[in-house]
């Protein structure tokens, strides 16, 4: 399953055990911290940081799955959980993490 080709669903179940580990292996640079899926993306300046944030907001809105963002001058920390899964991690978090990483890779090459 290619995560960037998947679409978020309305009420996904919470992930546990091996299913969680298998999906985590598919999103390099992401880790599970305090129950959320997290990564930090670094940029050269505020303009590039905000361009990423705005593009990620567009992607998130399209998937109807929105991350917690902490934005600073040269970085953006992204954290996902799924409210409809009781605040646990679901496939939606990994789909969006993969899409965020792809967006970052695309923008870094721009």
N, C-alpha and C. Protein backbone atom coordinates (compact mmCIF):
# COMPACT_ATOMS: atom_id res chain seq x y z
N UNK A 1 0.84 -1.18 0.00
CA UNK A 1 0.00 0.00 0.00
C UNK A 1 0.89 1.25 0.00
N UNK A 2 0.69 2.10 -0.97
CA UNK A 2 1.42 3.36 -1.04
C UNK A 2 0.57 4.42 -0.33
N UNK A 3 1.09 4.92 0.78
CA UNK A 3 0.31 5.82 1.63
C UNK A 3 -0.13 7.09 0.92
N UNK A 4 0.72 7.66 0.08
CA UNK A 4 0.36 8.91 -0.60
C UNK A 4 -0.78 8.73 -1.60
N UNK A 5 -1.09 7.50 -1.94
CA UNK A 5 -2.19 7.23 -2.86
C UNK A 5 -3.48 6.88 -2.13
N UNK A 6 -3.42 6.79 -0.81
CA UNK A 6 -4.60 6.47 -0.01
C UNK A 6 -5.37 7.75 0.33
N UNK A 7 -6.61 7.59 0.72
CA UNK A 7 -7.47 8.71 1.09
C UNK A 7 -7.96 8.48 2.52
N UNK A 8 -7.96 9.54 3.29
CA UNK A 8 -8.44 9.44 4.67
C UNK A 8 -9.92 9.06 4.71
N UNK A 9 -10.27 8.28 5.73
CA UNK A 9 -11.66 7.87 5.91
C UNK A 9 -12.26 8.59 7.11
N UNK A 10 -13.56 8.55 7.21
CA UNK A 10 -14.27 9.33 8.23
C UNK A 10 -14.04 8.81 9.65
N UNK A 11 -14.11 7.53 9.87
CA UNK A 11 -13.98 6.99 11.23
C UNK A 11 -13.06 5.77 11.24
N UNK A 12 -11.77 6.00 11.07
CA UNK A 12 -10.83 4.88 11.05
C UNK A 12 -10.61 4.33 12.46
N UNK A 13 -10.33 3.04 12.57
CA UNK A 13 -10.05 2.48 13.89
C UNK A 13 -8.65 2.87 14.37
N UNK A 14 -8.46 2.83 15.66
CA UNK A 14 -7.13 3.07 16.25
C UNK A 14 -6.20 1.92 15.87
N UNK A 15 -4.95 2.26 15.65
CA UNK A 15 -3.93 1.27 15.31
C UNK A 15 -3.21 0.81 16.57
N UNK A 16 -2.75 -0.43 16.54
CA UNK A 16 -1.99 -0.96 17.66
C UNK A 16 -0.93 -1.92 17.15
N UNK A 17 0.06 -2.20 17.98
CA UNK A 17 1.03 -3.26 17.74
C UNK A 17 1.73 -3.21 16.41
N UNK A 18 1.71 -4.37 15.74
CA UNK A 18 2.46 -4.53 14.50
C UNK A 18 1.94 -3.64 13.38
N UNK A 19 0.63 -3.41 13.32
CA UNK A 19 0.08 -2.54 12.28
C UNK A 19 0.66 -1.13 12.41
N UNK A 20 0.79 -0.66 13.64
CA UNK A 20 1.37 0.65 13.90
C UNK A 20 2.85 0.67 13.51
N UNK A 21 3.59 -0.35 13.90
CA UNK A 21 5.01 -0.45 13.57
C UNK A 21 5.23 -0.52 12.06
N UNK A 22 4.41 -1.27 11.37
CA UNK A 22 4.54 -1.41 9.91
C UNK A 22 4.33 -0.07 9.21
N UNK A 23 3.35 0.69 9.65
CA UNK A 23 3.09 1.99 9.03
C UNK A 23 4.17 2.99 9.38
N UNK A 24 4.67 2.95 10.61
CA UNK A 24 5.73 3.87 11.01
C UNK A 24 6.97 3.68 10.14
N UNK A 25 7.24 2.46 9.76
CA UNK A 25 8.40 2.16 8.91
C UNK A 25 8.25 2.79 7.52
N UNK A 26 7.03 3.13 7.13
CA UNK A 26 6.78 3.71 5.81
C UNK A 26 6.89 5.23 5.78
N UNK A 27 7.10 5.85 6.95
CA UNK A 27 7.21 7.31 7.00
C UNK A 27 8.53 7.71 7.70
N UNK A 28 9.64 7.58 6.97
CA UNK A 28 10.94 7.94 7.55
C UNK A 28 10.94 9.37 8.06
N UNK A 29 11.59 9.58 9.19
CA UNK A 29 11.66 10.92 9.77
C UNK A 29 10.54 11.22 10.75
N UNK A 30 9.54 10.37 10.80
CA UNK A 30 8.42 10.54 11.73
C UNK A 30 8.62 9.60 12.91
N UNK A 31 8.10 10.01 14.06
CA UNK A 31 8.18 9.15 15.24
C UNK A 31 6.91 9.32 16.06
N UNK A 32 6.65 8.34 16.90
CA UNK A 32 5.51 8.42 17.81
C UNK A 32 6.03 8.97 19.14
N UNK A 33 5.50 10.12 19.52
CA UNK A 33 5.89 10.79 20.76
C UNK A 33 4.63 11.15 21.52
N UNK A 34 4.52 10.67 22.74
CA UNK A 34 3.35 10.96 23.57
C UNK A 34 2.04 10.67 22.85
N UNK A 35 2.02 9.58 22.09
CA UNK A 35 0.80 9.14 21.44
C UNK A 35 0.46 9.83 20.13
N UNK A 36 1.31 10.75 19.67
CA UNK A 36 1.04 11.39 18.38
C UNK A 36 2.18 11.12 17.42
N UNK A 37 1.87 11.22 16.14
CA UNK A 37 2.85 11.01 15.08
C UNK A 37 3.46 12.37 14.76
N UNK A 38 4.80 12.49 14.92
CA UNK A 38 5.45 13.81 14.84
C UNK A 38 6.66 13.83 13.93
N UNK A 39 6.85 14.98 13.31
CA UNK A 39 8.07 15.27 12.54
C UNK A 39 8.27 16.78 12.52
N UNK A 40 9.51 17.18 12.33
CA UNK A 40 9.83 18.60 12.19
C UNK A 40 10.52 18.80 10.85
N UNK A 41 10.08 19.81 10.13
CA UNK A 41 10.61 20.13 8.82
C UNK A 41 11.36 21.46 8.91
N UNK A 42 12.58 21.47 8.40
CA UNK A 42 13.43 22.65 8.46
C UNK A 42 13.48 23.36 7.11
N UNK A 43 13.60 24.70 7.17
CA UNK A 43 13.60 25.52 5.97
C UNK A 43 14.69 26.58 6.06
N UNK A 44 14.94 27.25 4.96
CA UNK A 44 15.99 28.27 4.93
C UNK A 44 15.55 29.60 5.51
N UNK A 45 14.25 29.87 5.48
CA UNK A 45 13.76 31.15 5.99
C UNK A 45 12.25 31.07 6.24
N UNK A 46 11.71 32.15 6.74
CA UNK A 46 10.30 32.22 7.10
C UNK A 46 9.40 32.06 5.87
N UNK A 47 9.78 32.65 4.77
CA UNK A 47 8.97 32.57 3.55
C UNK A 47 8.77 31.11 3.14
N UNK A 48 9.85 30.32 3.14
CA UNK A 48 9.74 28.91 2.76
C UNK A 48 8.96 28.10 3.80
N UNK A 49 9.13 28.46 5.05
CA UNK A 49 8.36 27.79 6.11
C UNK A 49 6.87 28.02 5.90
N UNK A 50 6.49 29.26 5.67
CA UNK A 50 5.07 29.59 5.50
C UNK A 50 4.50 29.01 4.20
N UNK A 51 5.30 28.93 3.17
CA UNK A 51 4.83 28.31 1.93
C UNK A 51 4.49 26.85 2.18
N UNK A 52 5.34 26.16 2.94
CA UNK A 52 5.07 24.77 3.30
C UNK A 52 3.81 24.66 4.16
N UNK A 53 3.69 25.53 5.16
CA UNK A 53 2.53 25.51 6.05
C UNK A 53 1.24 25.70 5.25
N UNK A 54 1.24 26.65 4.34
CA UNK A 54 0.05 26.90 3.54
C UNK A 54 -0.27 25.72 2.62
N UNK A 55 0.75 25.14 2.02
CA UNK A 55 0.52 23.97 1.16
C UNK A 55 0.03 22.79 1.98
N UNK A 56 0.59 22.60 3.16
CA UNK A 56 0.15 21.51 4.03
C UNK A 56 -1.29 21.73 4.50
N UNK A 57 -1.65 22.98 4.75
CA UNK A 57 -3.04 23.28 5.13
C UNK A 57 -3.99 22.88 4.00
N UNK A 58 -3.61 23.15 2.76
CA UNK A 58 -4.42 22.78 1.61
C UNK A 58 -4.59 21.27 1.52
N UNK A 59 -3.49 20.53 1.66
CA UNK A 59 -3.53 19.08 1.62
C UNK A 59 -4.38 18.54 2.77
N UNK A 60 -4.18 19.08 3.96
CA UNK A 60 -4.93 18.63 5.14
C UNK A 60 -6.42 18.87 4.98
N UNK A 61 -6.77 20.01 4.45
CA UNK A 61 -8.19 20.31 4.23
C UNK A 61 -8.80 19.33 3.24
N UNK A 62 -8.08 19.01 2.20
CA UNK A 62 -8.57 18.06 1.20
C UNK A 62 -8.79 16.67 1.77
N UNK A 63 -8.00 16.29 2.76
CA UNK A 63 -8.15 14.99 3.41
C UNK A 63 -9.08 15.06 4.63
N UNK A 64 -9.49 16.26 5.01
CA UNK A 64 -10.31 16.49 6.21
C UNK A 64 -9.64 15.86 7.44
N UNK A 65 -8.33 16.04 7.52
CA UNK A 65 -7.56 15.52 8.65
C UNK A 65 -6.45 16.53 8.94
N UNK A 66 -6.60 17.25 10.04
CA UNK A 66 -5.78 18.43 10.28
C UNK A 66 -4.78 18.21 11.40
N UNK A 67 -3.52 18.57 11.18
CA UNK A 67 -2.48 18.38 12.19
C UNK A 67 -2.41 19.54 13.18
N UNK A 68 -1.69 19.30 14.23
CA UNK A 68 -1.27 20.37 15.12
C UNK A 68 0.05 20.87 14.54
N UNK A 69 0.18 22.18 14.39
CA UNK A 69 1.38 22.77 13.82
C UNK A 69 2.01 23.73 14.81
N UNK A 70 3.32 23.68 14.90
CA UNK A 70 4.09 24.68 15.64
C UNK A 70 5.05 25.29 14.64
N UNK A 71 4.82 26.55 14.33
CA UNK A 71 5.55 27.22 13.27
C UNK A 71 6.53 28.22 13.87
N UNK A 72 7.78 28.14 13.42
CA UNK A 72 8.78 29.13 13.80
C UNK A 72 9.44 29.67 12.53
N UNK A 73 10.44 30.49 12.70
CA UNK A 73 11.04 31.17 11.55
C UNK A 73 11.56 30.20 10.50
N UNK A 74 12.27 29.15 10.91
CA UNK A 74 12.89 28.23 9.96
C UNK A 74 12.44 26.78 10.13
N UNK A 75 11.32 26.56 10.77
CA UNK A 75 10.86 25.17 10.92
C UNK A 75 9.37 25.11 11.19
N UNK A 76 8.85 23.91 10.97
CA UNK A 76 7.45 23.63 11.27
C UNK A 76 7.39 22.22 11.86
N UNK A 77 6.92 22.13 13.09
CA UNK A 77 6.71 20.84 13.74
C UNK A 77 5.26 20.42 13.48
N UNK A 78 5.08 19.19 13.05
CA UNK A 78 3.77 18.67 12.67
C UNK A 78 3.45 17.47 13.55
N UNK A 79 2.23 17.44 14.07
CA UNK A 79 1.81 16.31 14.91
C UNK A 79 0.40 15.89 14.51
N UNK A 80 0.23 14.60 14.34
CA UNK A 80 -1.07 14.04 13.97
C UNK A 80 -1.57 13.07 15.04
N UNK A 81 -2.85 13.11 15.30
CA UNK A 81 -3.62 12.08 16.01
C UNK A 81 -4.99 12.08 15.36
N UNK A 82 -5.81 11.11 15.71
CA UNK A 82 -7.15 11.03 15.12
C UNK A 82 -8.19 11.15 16.23
N UNK A 83 -8.90 12.28 16.24
CA UNK A 83 -9.92 12.51 17.27
C UNK A 83 -11.00 11.44 17.24
N UNK A 84 -11.42 11.04 16.05
CA UNK A 84 -12.51 10.05 15.95
C UNK A 84 -12.06 8.66 16.39
N UNK A 85 -10.76 8.47 16.60
CA UNK A 85 -10.24 7.19 17.12
C UNK A 85 -9.83 7.37 18.58
N UNK A 86 -10.45 8.33 19.24
CA UNK A 86 -10.18 8.55 20.66
C UNK A 86 -8.84 9.21 20.92
N UNK A 87 -8.32 9.95 19.94
CA UNK A 87 -7.04 10.61 20.10
C UNK A 87 -5.86 9.68 19.86
N UNK A 88 -6.14 8.46 19.42
CA UNK A 88 -5.08 7.49 19.11
C UNK A 88 -4.61 7.72 17.67
N UNK A 89 -3.68 6.91 17.25
CA UNK A 89 -3.22 6.98 15.86
C UNK A 89 -4.05 6.06 14.98
N UNK A 90 -4.30 6.52 13.76
CA UNK A 90 -5.05 5.74 12.78
C UNK A 90 -4.32 5.81 11.45
N UNK A 91 -4.81 5.08 10.50
CA UNK A 91 -4.25 5.12 9.15
C UNK A 91 -4.25 6.54 8.60
N UNK A 92 -5.24 7.35 8.96
CA UNK A 92 -5.30 8.73 8.47
C UNK A 92 -4.05 9.52 8.83
N UNK A 93 -3.52 9.29 10.02
CA UNK A 93 -2.32 10.01 10.45
C UNK A 93 -1.14 9.66 9.55
N UNK A 94 -1.02 8.41 9.19
CA UNK A 94 0.09 7.96 8.35
C UNK A 94 -0.08 8.41 6.90
N UNK A 95 -1.31 8.43 6.42
CA UNK A 95 -1.57 8.95 5.07
C UNK A 95 -1.13 10.40 4.99
N UNK A 96 -1.54 11.19 5.97
CA UNK A 96 -1.21 12.61 5.96
C UNK A 96 0.27 12.86 6.22
N UNK A 97 0.89 12.04 7.07
CA UNK A 97 2.33 12.17 7.30
C UNK A 97 3.09 11.90 6.00
N UNK A 98 2.70 10.88 5.29
CA UNK A 98 3.35 10.56 4.01
C UNK A 98 3.15 11.70 3.02
N UNK A 99 1.97 12.26 3.00
CA UNK A 99 1.70 13.38 2.09
C UNK A 99 2.51 14.61 2.49
N UNK A 100 2.66 14.85 3.79
CA UNK A 100 3.46 15.99 4.27
C UNK A 100 4.92 15.79 3.88
N UNK A 101 5.43 14.59 4.04
CA UNK A 101 6.82 14.31 3.66
C UNK A 101 7.03 14.48 2.16
N UNK A 102 6.07 14.03 1.38
CA UNK A 102 6.16 14.18 -0.08
C UNK A 102 6.12 15.66 -0.47
N UNK A 103 5.28 16.41 0.19
CA UNK A 103 5.19 17.84 -0.06
C UNK A 103 6.52 18.51 0.28
N UNK A 104 7.11 18.15 1.40
CA UNK A 104 8.40 18.70 1.80
C UNK A 104 9.48 18.35 0.77
N UNK A 105 9.52 17.10 0.35
CA UNK A 105 10.51 16.68 -0.64
C UNK A 105 10.33 17.45 -1.95
N UNK A 106 9.08 17.66 -2.34
CA UNK A 106 8.79 18.40 -3.56
C UNK A 106 9.24 19.86 -3.44
N UNK A 107 8.96 20.48 -2.31
CA UNK A 107 9.30 21.88 -2.10
C UNK A 107 10.81 22.06 -1.95
N UNK A 108 11.48 21.08 -1.34
CA UNK A 108 12.92 21.17 -1.16
C UNK A 108 13.63 21.12 -2.51
N UNK A 109 13.02 20.45 -3.46
CA UNK A 109 13.60 20.35 -4.79
C UNK A 109 13.23 21.50 -5.70
N UNK A 110 12.35 22.36 -5.24
CA UNK A 110 11.86 23.46 -6.08
C UNK A 110 12.90 24.56 -6.24
